[in-house]
Amino acid sequence: MPKNVYNNVVDHRIIDNKRVVEDVTSVTLPTIEFDSTTIDVAGLTGTVDMPNTYKVKAMSAEIAHNNGTNTDRLTDPGLHTLEFRLARQRYITNKATMNHESVKYRMTGYHTSTNDGRVQTGNPLGGTEKFNVLRFEKIVNGKTVVKVDVMAGSLEFNGKSEVSGIQKLLE
């Protein structure tokens, strides 16, 4: 039996360039996908896509909203520093207890597109903003578990750098 089962997001707060953004309905976080090389040689019964853990593909994120306070600022040209703070409920199965934990996502990126949504009587006219992500961090209870900084050439997972080992081989 698993030790922890994570349930739902209890509440969240979105901050864009130090401004709280209200009435955000959902955030689609970036997919971290490693670049890969296809290996296809004689003798193999198929091809193999070998991931390169030294390089990630372009990342994007989306913020869907109902045109609340400061959502109009999400479309500002230029660099955005985004932070998604959430409280996540945690159920500890072997103790039969529940508590909450802090999860933060920090991203830096550029606004790339706006989808103004669908006009429908009786529903808010919301929108979805898309961002090209240059830097991404995931922090759980104060511990950084993922950090990808494309411009600085940094990839870290659970405190271990994927880049430093490669750089040492090049010395």
C-alpha atoms as a PDB file:
ATOM      1  CA  MET A   1       0.000   0.000   0.000  1.00  0.00           C
ATOM      2  CA  PRO A   2       1.352   3.460  -0.807  1.00  0.00           C
ATOM      3  CA  LYS A   3       2.475   5.577   2.122  1.00  0.00           C
ATOM      4  CA  ASN A   4       0.985   8.837   0.808  1.00  0.00           C
ATOM      5  CA  VAL A   5      -1.961   9.463  -1.444  1.00  0.00           C
ATOM      6  CA  TYR A   6      -2.307  13.028  -2.650  1.00  0.00           C
ATOM      7  CA  ASN A   7      -5.823  14.221  -3.046  1.00  0.00           C
ATOM      8  CA  ASN A   8      -6.985  17.537  -4.345  1.00  0.00           C
ATOM      9  CA  VAL A   9      -5.756  21.086  -4.600  1.00  0.00           C
ATOM     10  CA  VAL A  10      -7.538  22.889  -1.776  1.00  0.00           C
ATOM     11  CA  ASP A  11      -6.787  26.450  -2.863  1.00  0.00           C
ATOM     12  CA  HIS A  12      -4.383  28.336  -5.100  1.00  0.00           C
ATOM     13  CA  ARG A  13      -2.976  31.788  -5.770  1.00  0.00           C
ATOM     14  CA  ILE A  14      -1.471  33.028  -9.016  1.00  0.00           C
ATOM     15  CA  ILE A  15       1.055  35.876  -9.094  1.00  0.00           C
ATOM     16  CA  ASP A  16       2.273  37.556 -12.288  1.00  0.00           C
ATOM     17  CA  ASN A  17       5.102  40.102 -12.003  1.00  0.00           C
ATOM     18  CA  LYS A  18       4.281  40.612  -8.283  1.00  0.00           C
ATOM     19  CA  ARG A  19       0.538  41.152  -8.974  1.00  0.00           C
ATOM     20  CA  VAL A  20      -2.076  38.687  -7.700  1.00  0.00           C
ATOM     21  CA  VAL A  21      -4.220  37.450 -10.587  1.00  0.00           C
ATOM     22  CA  GLU A  22      -7.780  36.583  -9.588  1.00  0.00           C
ATOM     23  CA  ASP A  23     -10.420  34.252 -11.024  1.00  0.00           C
ATOM     24  CA  VAL A  24      -7.949  31.833 -12.581  1.00  0.00           C
ATOM     25  CA  THR A  25      -9.831  28.637 -13.379  1.00  0.00           C
ATOM     26  CA  SER A  26      -6.880  26.411 -14.270  1.00  0.00           C
ATOM     27  CA  VAL A  27      -3.172  26.347 -15.014  1.00  0.00           C
ATOM     28  CA  THR A  28      -1.610  23.901 -17.455  1.00  0.00           C
ATOM     29  CA  LEU A  29       1.955  23.420 -16.300  1.00  0.00           C
ATOM     30  CA  PRO A  30       4.794  22.798 -18.751  1.00  0.00           C
ATOM     31  CA  THR A  31       5.678  19.330 -19.928  1.00  0.00           C
ATOM     32  CA  ILE A  32       9.354  18.622 -19.379  1.00  0.00           C
ATOM     33  CA  GLU A  33      10.281  16.501 -22.360  1.00  0.00           C
ATOM     34  CA  PHE A  34      13.841  15.481 -23.050  1.00  0.00           C
ATOM     35  CA  ASP A  35      15.234  15.681 -26.529  1.00  0.00           C
ATOM     36  CA  SER A  36      15.960  12.214 -27.906  1.00  0.00           C
ATOM     37  CA  THR A  37      17.961  10.459 -30.564  1.00  0.00           C
ATOM     38  CA  THR A  38      16.473   7.585 -32.522  1.00  0.00           C
ATOM     39  CA  ILE A  39      18.763   4.561 -32.667  1.00  0.00           C
ATOM     40  CA  ASP A  40      18.065   2.229 -35.565  1.00  0.00           C
ATOM     41  CA  VAL A  41      20.848  -0.244 -36.268  1.00  0.00           C
ATOM     42  CA  ALA A  42      21.103  -3.668 -37.854  1.00  0.00           C
ATOM     43  CA  GLY A  43      20.388  -6.438 -35.382  1.00  0.00           C
ATOM     44  CA  LEU A  44      17.776  -4.556 -33.361  1.00  0.00           C
ATOM     45  CA  THR A  45      14.198  -5.705 -33.755  1.00  0.00           C
ATOM     46  CA  GLY A  46      13.005  -2.110 -33.569  1.00  0.00           C
ATOM     47  CA  THR A  47      14.083   1.461 -33.067  1.00  0.00           C
ATOM     48  CA  VAL A  48      14.925   2.986 -29.699  1.00  0.00           C
ATOM     49  CA  ASP A  49      14.400   6.636 -28.769  1.00  0.00           C
ATOM     50  CA  MET A  50      17.254   7.359 -26.362  1.00  0.00           C
ATOM     51  CA  PRO A  51      16.513  10.423 -24.182  1.00  0.00           C
ATOM     52  CA  ASN A  52      19.187  13.065 -23.790  1.00  0.00           C
ATOM     53  CA  THR A  53      18.815  14.117 -20.134  1.00  0.00           C
ATOM     54  CA  TYR A  54      21.105  17.067 -20.836  1.00  0.00           C
ATOM     55  CA  LYS A  55      18.599  18.932 -23.011  1.00  0.00           C
ATOM     56  CA  VAL A  56      14.842  19.595 -22.847  1.00  0.00           C
ATOM     57  CA  LYS A  57      12.456  20.552 -25.623  1.00  0.00           C
ATOM     58  CA  ALA A  58      10.653  23.896 -25.639  1.00  0.00           C
ATOM     59  CA  MET A  59       8.201  24.255 -22.763  1.00  0.00           C
ATOM     60  CA  SER A  60       4.902  26.110 -22.628  1.00  0.00           C
ATOM     61  CA  ALA A  61       2.295  26.836 -19.968  1.00  0.00           C
ATOM     62  CA  GLU A  62      -1.312  28.035 -20.096  1.00  0.00           C
ATOM     63  CA  ILE A  63      -3.440  30.059 -17.700  1.00  0.00           C
ATOM     64  CA  ALA A  64      -7.234  29.909 -18.131  1.00  0.00           C
ATOM     65  CA  HIS A  65      -9.252  32.655 -16.441  1.00  0.00           C
ATOM     66  CA  ASN A  66     -12.616  34.405 -16.228  1.00  0.00           C
ATOM     67  CA  ASN A  67     -11.273  37.963 -16.720  1.00  0.00           C
ATOM     68  CA  GLY A  68     -10.772  38.648 -13.017  1.00  0.00           C
ATOM     69  CA  THR A  69      -8.475  41.232 -11.446  1.00  0.00           C
ATOM     70  CA  ASN A  70      -5.120  41.581 -13.251  1.00  0.00           C
ATOM     71  CA  THR A  71      -5.868  38.928 -15.885  1.00  0.00           C
ATOM     72  CA  ASP A  72      -5.575  41.681 -18.507  1.00  0.00           C
ATOM     73  CA  ARG A  73      -1.915  42.115 -17.446  1.00  0.00           C
ATOM     74  CA  LEU A  74      -1.123  38.516 -18.421  1.00  0.00           C
ATOM     75  CA  THR A  75      -1.040  39.675 -22.056  1.00  0.00           C
ATOM     76  CA  ASP A  76       1.581  42.379 -21.443  1.00  0.00           C
ATOM     77  CA  PRO A  77       4.512  42.054 -23.860  1.00  0.00           C
ATOM     78  CA  GLY A  78       7.841  41.168 -22.350  1.00  0.00           C
ATOM     79  CA  LEU A  79       9.078  38.799 -19.702  1.00  0.00           C
ATOM     80  CA  HIS A  80       6.641  37.482 -17.069  1.00  0.00           C
ATOM     81  CA  THR A  81       7.666  36.096 -13.697  1.00  0.00           C
ATOM     82  CA  LEU A  82       4.854  33.768 -12.679  1.00  0.00           C
ATOM     83  CA  GLU A  83       4.306  31.962  -9.403  1.00  0.00           C
ATOM     84  CA  PHE A  84       1.572  29.450  -8.712  1.00  0.00           C
ATOM     85  CA  ARG A  85       1.103  28.752  -5.016  1.00  0.00           C
ATOM     86  CA  LEU A  86      -1.188  25.986  -3.938  1.00  0.00           C
ATOM     87  CA  ALA A  87      -2.242  24.099  -0.859  1.00  0.00           C
ATOM     88  CA  ARG A  88      -2.505  20.387  -1.557  1.00  0.00           C
ATOM     89  CA  GLN A  89      -4.332  17.957   0.695  1.00  0.00           C
ATOM     90  CA  ARG A  90      -2.288  14.918   1.685  1.00  0.00           C
ATOM     91  CA  TYR A  91      -3.663  11.699   3.075  1.00  0.00           C
ATOM     92  CA  ILE A  92      -1.124   9.530   4.912  1.00  0.00           C
ATOM     93  CA  THR A  93      -2.485   6.026   4.486  1.00  0.00           C
ATOM     94  CA  ASN A  94      -0.372   4.160   7.053  1.00  0.00           C
ATOM     95  CA  LYS A  95      -1.400   6.654   9.771  1.00  0.00           C
ATOM     96  CA  ALA A  96      -4.915   7.342   8.496  1.00  0.00           C
ATOM     97  CA  THR A  97      -4.346  11.085   8.857  1.00  0.00           C
ATOM     98  CA  MET A  98      -4.814  14.069   6.589  1.00  0.00           C
ATOM     99  CA  ASN A  99      -2.844  17.291   6.419  1.00  0.00           C
ATOM    100  CA  HIS A 100      -1.855  19.887   3.874  1.00  0.00           C
ATOM    101  CA  GLU A 101       1.362  20.775   2.113  1.00  0.00           C
ATOM    102  CA  SER A 102       2.685  23.715   0.159  1.00  0.00           C
ATOM    103  CA  VAL A 103       3.473  23.348  -3.541  1.00  0.00           C
ATOM    104  CA  LYS A 104       4.861  26.244  -5.560  1.00  0.00           C
ATOM    105  CA  TYR A 105       5.607  26.495  -9.235  1.00  0.00           C
ATOM    106  CA  ARG A 106       7.781  29.362 -10.435  1.00  0.00           C
ATOM    107  CA  MET A 107       8.119  30.157 -14.102  1.00  0.00           C
ATOM    108  CA  THR A 108       9.707  32.823 -16.227  1.00  0.00           C
ATOM    109  CA  GLY A 109       8.595  33.232 -19.798  1.00  0.00           C
ATOM    110  CA  TYR A 110       7.069  35.288 -22.567  1.00  0.00           C
ATOM    111  CA  HIS A 111       3.383  35.612 -23.424  1.00  0.00           C
ATOM    112  CA  THR A 112       2.870  34.005 -26.837  1.00  0.00           C
ATOM    113  CA  SER A 113      -0.880  33.868 -27.466  1.00  0.00           C
ATOM    114  CA  THR A 114      -4.379  34.639 -26.222  1.00  0.00           C
ATOM    115  CA  ASN A 115      -7.502  32.605 -26.828  1.00  0.00           C
ATOM    116  CA  ASP A 116     -10.501  34.733 -25.821  1.00  0.00           C
ATOM    117  CA  GLY A 117     -12.666  31.681 -25.261  1.00  0.00           C
ATOM    118  CA  ARG A 118     -16.263  31.072 -26.220  1.00  0.00           C
ATOM    119  CA  VAL A 119     -19.196  33.443 -26.041  1.00  0.00           C
ATOM    120  CA  GLN A 120     -21.995  31.651 -24.205  1.00  0.00           C
ATOM    121  CA  THR A 121     -25.034  33.240 -22.527  1.00  0.00           C
ATOM    122  CA  GLY A 122     -24.936  32.943 -18.756  1.00  0.00           C
ATOM    123  CA  ASN A 123     -21.239  32.109 -18.544  1.00  0.00           C
ATOM    124  CA  PRO A 124     -18.265  34.414 -17.989  1.00  0.00           C
ATOM    125  CA  LEU A 125     -16.281  35.335 -21.035  1.00  0.00           C
ATOM    126  CA  GLY A 126     -12.933  33.934 -20.040  1.00  0.00           C
ATOM    127  CA  GLY A 127      -9.714  33.401 -21.893  1.00  0.00           C
ATOM    128  CA  THR A 128      -6.548  31.354 -22.008  1.00  0.00           C
ATOM    129  CA  GLU A 129      -3.068  32.858 -22.073  1.00  0.00           C
ATOM    130  CA  LYS A 130      -0.112  30.835 -23.330  1.00  0.00           C
ATOM    131  CA  PHE A 131       3.525  31.364 -22.340  1.00  0.00           C
ATOM    132  CA  ASN A 132       6.862  30.153 -23.691  1.00  0.00           C
ATOM    133  CA  VAL A 133       8.669  28.981 -20.527  1.00  0.00           C
ATOM    134  CA  LEU A 134      12.392  29.689 -20.120  1.00  0.00           C
ATOM    135  CA  ARG A 135      12.717  28.813 -16.426  1.00  0.00           C
ATOM    136  CA  PHE A 136      10.614  26.413 -14.349  1.00  0.00           C
ATOM    137  CA  GLU A 137      10.799  25.378 -10.698  1.00  0.00           C
ATOM    138  CA  LYS A 138       8.670  23.052  -8.585  1.00  0.00           C
ATOM    139  CA  ILE A 139       9.001  23.440  -4.820  1.00  0.00           C
ATOM    140  CA  VAL A 140       7.261  21.088  -2.373  1.00  0.00           C
ATOM    141  CA  ASN A 141       7.242  22.108   1.306  1.00  0.00           C
ATOM    142  CA  GLY A 142      10.219  24.407   0.722  1.00  0.00           C
ATOM    143  CA  LYS A 143      12.354  21.810  -1.106  1.00  0.00           C
ATOM    144  CA  THR A 144      13.141  22.374  -4.797  1.00  0.00           C
ATOM    145  CA  VAL A 145      12.380  19.110  -6.588  1.00  0.00           C
ATOM    146  CA  VAL A 146      12.644  20.331 -10.205  1.00  0.00           C
ATOM    147  CA  LYS A 147      14.563  23.270 -11.658  1.00  0.00           C
ATOM    148  CA  VAL A 148      14.981  23.840 -15.379  1.00  0.00           C
ATOM    149  CA  ASP A 149      16.633  27.051 -16.523  1.00  0.00           C
ATOM    150  CA  VAL A 150      17.085  26.920 -20.285  1.00  0.00           C
ATOM    151  CA  MET A 151      18.985  30.207 -20.585  1.00  0.00           C
ATOM    152  CA  ALA A 152      21.398  29.397 -17.730  1.00  0.00           C
ATOM    153  CA  GLY A 153      21.890  25.810 -18.915  1.00  0.00           C
ATOM    154  CA  SER A 154      20.662  24.286 -15.660  1.00  0.00           C
ATOM    155  CA  LEU A 155      18.710  21.036 -15.141  1.00  0.00           C
ATOM    156  CA  GLU A 156      18.209  19.797 -11.577  1.00  0.00           C
ATOM    157  CA  PHE A 157      15.990  17.033 -10.255  1.00  0.00           C
ATOM    158  CA  ASN A 158      15.741  16.449  -6.489  1.00  0.00           C
ATOM    159  CA  GLY A 159      18.894  18.498  -5.932  1.00  0.00           C
ATOM    160  CA  LYS A 160      20.984  16.585  -8.482  1.00  0.00           C
ATOM    161  CA  SER A 161      22.327  18.474 -11.488  1.00  0.00           C
ATOM    162  CA  GLU A 162      22.085  16.714 -14.846  1.00  0.00           C
ATOM    163  CA  VAL A 163      24.452  19.299 -16.340  1.00  0.00           C
ATOM    164  CA  SER A 164      27.383  19.317 -13.900  1.00  0.00           C
ATOM    165  CA  GLY A 165      28.337  15.682 -14.587  1.00  0.00           C
ATOM    166  CA  ILE A 166      28.518  16.341 -18.312  1.00  0.00           C
ATOM    167  CA  GLN A 167      30.513  19.546 -17.762  1.00  0.00           C
ATOM    168  CA  LYS A 168      33.032  17.652 -15.600  1.00  0.00           C
ATOM    169  CA  LEU A 169      33.576  15.170 -18.423  1.00  0.00           C
ATOM    170  CA  LEU A 170      34.533  18.073 -20.679  1.00  0.00           C
ATOM    171  CA  GLU A 171      37.245  19.448 -18.342  1.00  0.00           C
END
